[in-house]
Amino acid sequence: MLNEERRQKIEQFLSRNKRLRVRSLANQLGTSEVTIRKDLEVLERRGVLTRVHGGAIVNHSTVTDIALTEKERIHAKQKQRIAQKAAEMISEGEVIILDSGSTTLQIARQIKFYQNLTIITNAVNIASELAASEMEIILTGGILREKSFSLVGPIAEESIRNFTADKLFLGVDGIHFEHGLTTPNVLEAKINQLMVKAAAEVILVADSSKFGRRSLGFIADISTLNKVITDKEIHPNDIARLENLGITVYAI
């Protein structure tokens, strides 16, 4: 089993049990306790968990701001499936907002051969990905955040205020039923708030590890969402709570 596959398994176990033991993980995953401790160190740096004596507990505190290049490697297969489903929801002639992030970058890769679309984004890497396409690409101005390749600040905010869109595909770092949708960077959260206001339909694209987590910058209440595209590991209770809010859930 590859390192990232094993760490994804640990995250899945943690989402169900909230507390894990090193010895139990080593037995379940067929590896050494030393290897498991190293995995827990990596996951703690990512803000997924907090290490305690003999194991780890789920981290419901602030999620740290991880570089996009590292995020792309986390849950990569799930993000590709989520992006494929998102691409199926895009129709000819629509105006689409793509938030910055690793999952929305995957969406851009899925739709790069589409035609007759207008894409609004604050992500320079997404704009670059689509630069050779036959779509109309609108890139906001703003201050570049190197970690996320996104543009933020007053110029980006004013740009978003001038647009309306059919759909927003929004990626977040935390999805919490009490604390809402969050992201580690406050300036990024402000851009996301304006994107939500600009779109007729808000579609969350996020793997199941984001549920139960929260971060510094508040974007919106979960009830703001119209649809959620996530992976099959989402807990049934989370699906039920989303559907009770009138949100359509796709567990891919």
Protein backbone atom coordinates (compact mmCIF):
# COMPACT_ATOMS: atom_id res chain seq x y z
CA MET A 1 0.00 0.00 0.00
CA LEU A 2 1.35 3.44 -0.97
CA ASN A 3 1.90 6.09 1.71
CA GLU A 4 -1.00 8.30 0.57
CA GLU A 5 -3.37 5.35 0.26
CA ARG A 6 -2.56 4.30 3.82
CA ARG A 7 -3.05 7.86 5.11
CA GLN A 8 -6.40 8.09 3.34
CA LYS A 9 -7.43 4.89 5.09
CA ILE A 10 -6.41 6.39 8.43
CA GLU A 11 -8.53 9.48 7.70
CA GLN A 12 -11.49 7.26 6.84
CA PHE A 13 -11.10 5.28 10.07
CA LEU A 14 -10.83 8.54 12.01
CA SER A 15 -14.00 10.00 10.46
CA ARG A 16 -15.93 7.00 11.76
CA ASN A 17 -14.31 6.42 15.16
CA LYS A 18 -13.01 9.89 16.18
CA ARG A 19 -10.13 8.21 18.10
CA LEU A 20 -7.53 5.71 16.88
CA ARG A 21 -4.79 3.60 18.47
CA VAL A 22 -1.39 3.16 16.84
CA ARG A 23 -1.29 -0.58 17.57
CA SER A 24 -4.77 -1.15 16.12
CA LEU A 25 -3.95 0.83 12.98
CA ALA A 26 -0.73 -1.12 12.46
CA ASN A 27 -2.66 -4.39 12.66
CA GLN A 28 -5.47 -3.26 10.37
CA LEU A 29 -3.14 -1.82 7.73
CA GLY A 30 -0.47 -4.53 7.93
CA THR A 31 2.43 -2.24 8.71
CA SER A 32 4.66 -1.28 11.63
CA GLU A 33 3.79 1.04 14.51
CA VAL A 34 6.76 3.21 13.50
CA THR A 35 5.24 3.72 10.05
CA ILE A 36 1.84 4.54 11.56
CA ARG A 37 3.40 7.13 13.88
CA LYS A 38 5.05 8.79 10.87
CA ASP A 39 1.68 8.81 9.07
CA LEU A 40 0.04 10.44 12.09
CA GLU A 41 2.76 13.10 12.14
CA VAL A 42 2.03 13.93 8.49
CA LEU A 43 -1.73 14.04 9.06
CA GLU A 44 -1.29 16.23 12.12
CA ARG A 45 0.72 18.75 10.05
CA ARG A 46 -2.17 18.78 7.56
CA GLY A 47 -4.60 19.62 10.35
CA VAL A 48 -6.54 16.35 10.04
CA LEU A 49 -5.91 15.04 13.55
CA THR A 50 -4.25 15.69 16.88
CA ARG A 51 -1.81 13.10 18.20
CA VAL A 52 -2.34 11.88 21.75
CA HIS A 53 -0.58 9.21 23.81
CA GLY A 54 -0.88 5.90 21.97
CA GLY A 55 -2.80 7.24 19.00
CA ALA A 56 -4.75 10.21 17.63
CA ILE A 57 -8.10 11.98 17.83
CA VAL A 58 -10.05 13.81 15.15
CA ASN A 59 -9.15 17.48 14.91
CA HIS A 60 -12.19 19.75 15.05
CA SER A 61 -10.02 22.83 15.56
CA THR A 62 -8.77 25.20 12.90
CA VAL A 63 -7.55 23.57 9.69
CA THR A 64 -4.11 24.76 8.61
CA ASP A 65 -3.47 26.42 5.26
CA ILE A 66 -1.86 23.73 3.08
CA ALA A 67 -0.15 24.50 -0.23
CA LEU A 68 -2.22 23.57 -3.30
CA THR A 69 0.60 21.40 -4.67
CA GLU A 70 0.30 19.24 -1.54
CA LYS A 71 -3.51 19.29 -1.57
CA GLU A 72 -3.51 17.86 -5.09
CA ARG A 73 -1.92 14.65 -3.79
CA ILE A 74 -4.51 14.18 -1.02
CA HIS A 75 -7.58 12.11 -2.01
CA ALA A 76 -6.59 12.53 -5.66
CA LYS A 77 -8.80 9.71 -6.99
CA GLN A 78 -11.85 10.97 -5.12
CA LYS A 79 -11.30 14.48 -6.44
CA GLN A 80 -11.12 13.20 -10.00
CA ARG A 81 -14.45 11.39 -9.64
CA ILE A 82 -16.04 14.44 -8.03
CA ALA A 83 -14.75 16.60 -10.89
CA GLN A 84 -16.16 14.22 -13.50
CA LYS A 85 -19.61 14.48 -11.93
CA ALA A 86 -19.32 18.26 -11.72
CA ALA A 87 -18.40 18.45 -15.41
CA GLU A 88 -21.57 16.52 -16.27
CA MET A 89 -23.63 19.26 -14.60
CA ILE A 90 -22.28 22.02 -16.86
CA SER A 91 -24.41 22.92 -19.88
CA GLU A 92 -23.60 24.81 -23.05
CA GLY A 93 -23.97 28.57 -22.81
CA GLU A 94 -23.67 28.76 -19.02
CA VAL A 95 -21.60 31.16 -16.96
CA ILE A 96 -19.60 29.16 -14.40
CA ILE A 97 -17.57 30.33 -11.42
CA LEU A 98 -14.68 28.09 -10.42
CA ASP A 99 -13.27 28.79 -7.00
CA SER A 100 -9.55 28.19 -6.47
CA GLY A 101 -8.62 24.76 -5.14
CA SER A 102 -7.41 21.27 -6.00
CA THR A 103 -10.87 19.86 -6.78
CA THR A 104 -11.93 22.81 -8.93
CA LEU A 105 -8.63 22.50 -10.80
CA GLN A 106 -9.68 18.94 -11.62
CA ILE A 107 -12.99 20.29 -12.92
CA ALA A 108 -11.11 22.67 -15.23
CA ARG A 109 -9.16 19.71 -16.60
CA GLN A 110 -12.41 17.84 -17.24
CA ILE A 111 -14.03 20.69 -19.21
CA LYS A 112 -11.07 22.11 -21.13
CA PHE A 113 -12.50 20.85 -24.45
CA TYR A 114 -15.98 22.26 -23.84
CA GLN A 115 -17.21 25.14 -26.00
CA ASN A 116 -19.59 28.08 -25.56
CA LEU A 117 -18.95 28.55 -21.86
CA THR A 118 -17.90 31.53 -19.80
CA ILE A 119 -15.62 30.71 -16.88
CA ILE A 120 -15.03 33.20 -14.08
CA THR A 121 -12.21 32.35 -11.69
CA ASN A 122 -9.79 33.90 -9.24
CA ALA A 123 -7.30 31.05 -9.75
CA VAL A 124 -4.41 31.75 -12.11
CA ASN A 125 -3.66 28.04 -12.51
CA ILE A 126 -7.25 27.34 -13.58
CA ALA A 127 -7.12 30.21 -16.08
CA SER A 128 -3.84 28.82 -17.41
CA GLU A 129 -5.33 25.32 -17.67
CA LEU A 130 -8.17 26.68 -19.82
CA ALA A 131 -6.17 29.28 -21.77
CA ALA A 132 -6.05 27.23 -24.99
CA SER A 133 -9.76 26.34 -24.86
CA GLU A 134 -12.56 27.89 -26.90
CA MET A 135 -14.30 29.26 -23.80
CA GLU A 136 -14.37 32.83 -22.61
CA ILE A 137 -12.14 33.02 -19.52
CA ILE A 138 -12.53 35.88 -17.05
CA LEU A 139 -9.73 36.09 -14.49
CA THR A 140 -10.19 38.46 -11.60
CA GLY A 141 -7.36 40.78 -10.67
CA GLY A 142 -6.01 40.92 -7.16
CA ILE A 143 -3.13 39.94 -4.92
CA LEU A 144 -1.61 36.54 -5.67
CA ARG A 145 -1.56 33.96 -2.88
CA GLU A 146 1.37 31.69 -3.71
CA LYS A 147 0.05 28.74 -1.68
CA SER A 148 -3.23 28.53 -3.58
CA PHE A 149 -2.44 30.31 -6.90
CA SER A 150 -5.50 32.45 -6.14
CA LEU A 151 -6.14 36.18 -6.43
CA VAL A 152 -7.60 37.91 -3.38
CA GLY A 153 -8.05 41.37 -1.91
CA PRO A 154 -10.10 44.48 -2.86
CA ILE A 155 -9.48 44.27 -6.62
CA ALA A 156 -10.59 40.64 -6.80
CA GLU A 157 -13.61 41.40 -4.60
CA GLU A 158 -14.73 44.31 -6.77
CA SER A 159 -14.36 42.17 -9.87
CA ILE A 160 -16.65 39.43 -8.50
CA ARG A 161 -19.28 42.02 -7.51
CA ASN A 162 -19.66 42.91 -11.21
CA PHE A 163 -20.74 39.41 -12.29
CA THR A 164 -23.63 37.01 -12.03
CA ALA A 165 -23.33 33.32 -12.87
CA ASP A 166 -25.44 30.22 -13.40
CA LYS A 167 -23.35 27.93 -11.21
CA LEU A 168 -20.57 28.18 -8.65
CA PHE A 169 -18.40 25.15 -7.96
CA LEU A 170 -17.02 25.79 -4.51
CA GLY A 171 -14.22 23.94 -2.76
CA VAL A 172 -13.75 24.38 1.00
CA ASP A 173 -11.46 23.12 3.76
CA GLY A 174 -14.10 22.60 6.40
CA ILE A 175 -17.77 21.56 6.40
CA HIS A 176 -19.33 21.77 9.85
CA PHE A 177 -23.06 21.75 10.58
CA GLU A 178 -22.65 24.29 13.39
CA HIS A 179 -19.81 26.41 12.00
CA GLY A 180 -20.67 26.29 8.30
CA LEU A 181 -18.32 26.29 5.31
CA THR A 182 -14.84 27.53 6.11
CA THR A 183 -11.36 28.04 4.69
CA PRO A 184 -8.05 28.88 6.44
CA ASN A 185 -7.47 32.26 4.72
CA VAL A 186 -9.76 35.18 5.61
CA LEU A 187 -9.20 36.97 2.27
CA GLU A 188 -10.05 33.77 0.41
CA ALA A 189 -13.20 33.44 2.51
CA LYS A 190 -14.30 36.94 1.50
CA ILE A 191 -13.94 36.11 -2.20
CA ASN A 192 -15.92 32.91 -1.67
CA GLN A 193 -18.71 34.84 0.09
CA LEU A 194 -19.07 37.10 -2.95
CA MET A 195 -19.01 34.13 -5.33
CA VAL A 196 -21.89 32.56 -3.39
CA LYS A 197 -23.91 35.77 -3.77
CA ALA A 198 -23.15 35.96 -7.51
CA ALA A 199 -24.31 32.44 -8.41
CA ALA A 200 -27.83 31.20 -9.01
CA GLU A 201 -26.77 27.70 -7.93
CA VAL A 202 -24.05 26.83 -5.40
CA ILE A 203 -22.50 23.38 -5.77
CA LEU A 204 -20.02 22.19 -3.15
CA VAL A 205 -17.24 19.92 -4.42
CA ALA A 206 -15.40 18.36 -1.50
CA ASP A 207 -14.18 14.91 -0.45
CA SER A 208 -15.69 13.39 2.68
CA SER A 209 -12.65 14.11 4.88
CA LYS A 210 -13.74 17.78 4.98
CA PHE A 211 -16.88 16.97 6.99
CA GLY A 212 -16.71 17.70 10.69
CA ARG A 213 -13.80 20.09 10.22
CA ARG A 214 -13.72 23.87 10.55
CA SER A 215 -11.25 26.60 9.80
CA LEU A 216 -10.62 30.29 10.43
CA GLY A 217 -12.49 32.03 7.61
CA PHE A 218 -16.29 31.68 7.47
CA ILE A 219 -17.80 31.51 3.97
CA ALA A 220 -21.48 30.63 4.37
CA ASP A 221 -23.96 28.46 6.23
CA ILE A 222 -24.38 24.93 4.86
CA SER A 223 -28.02 25.77 4.07
CA THR A 224 -26.74 28.10 1.34
CA LEU A 225 -25.80 25.09 -0.79
CA ASN A 226 -27.99 23.63 -3.52
CA LYS A 227 -25.95 20.50 -4.21
CA VAL A 228 -23.00 18.61 -2.73
CA ILE A 229 -20.70 16.34 -4.73
CA THR A 230 -18.52 14.19 -2.49
CA ASP A 231 -17.18 10.63 -2.28
CA LYS A 232 -18.72 7.36 -1.10
CA GLU A 233 -17.04 7.53 2.31
CA ILE A 234 -19.35 10.30 3.52
CA HIS A 235 -21.13 9.22 6.70
CA PRO A 236 -24.84 8.38 6.20
CA ASN A 237 -25.74 10.77 9.03
CA ASP A 238 -24.10 13.62 7.12
CA ILE A 239 -26.08 12.75 3.99
CA ALA A 240 -29.31 12.74 6.01
CA ARG A 241 -28.56 16.11 7.59
CA LEU A 242 -27.77 17.65 4.20
CA GLU A 243 -30.93 16.25 2.63
CA ASN A 244 -33.00 17.53 5.55
CA LEU A 245 -31.76 21.00 4.56
CA GLY A 246 -33.06 20.44 1.02
CA ILE A 247 -29.58 19.85 -0.44
CA THR A 248 -29.12 17.24 -3.15
CA VAL A 249 -26.17 14.93 -2.38
CA TYR A 250 -24.09 13.00 -4.90
CA ALA A 251 -21.75 10.48 -3.25
CA ILE A 252 -19.49 9.38 -6.10
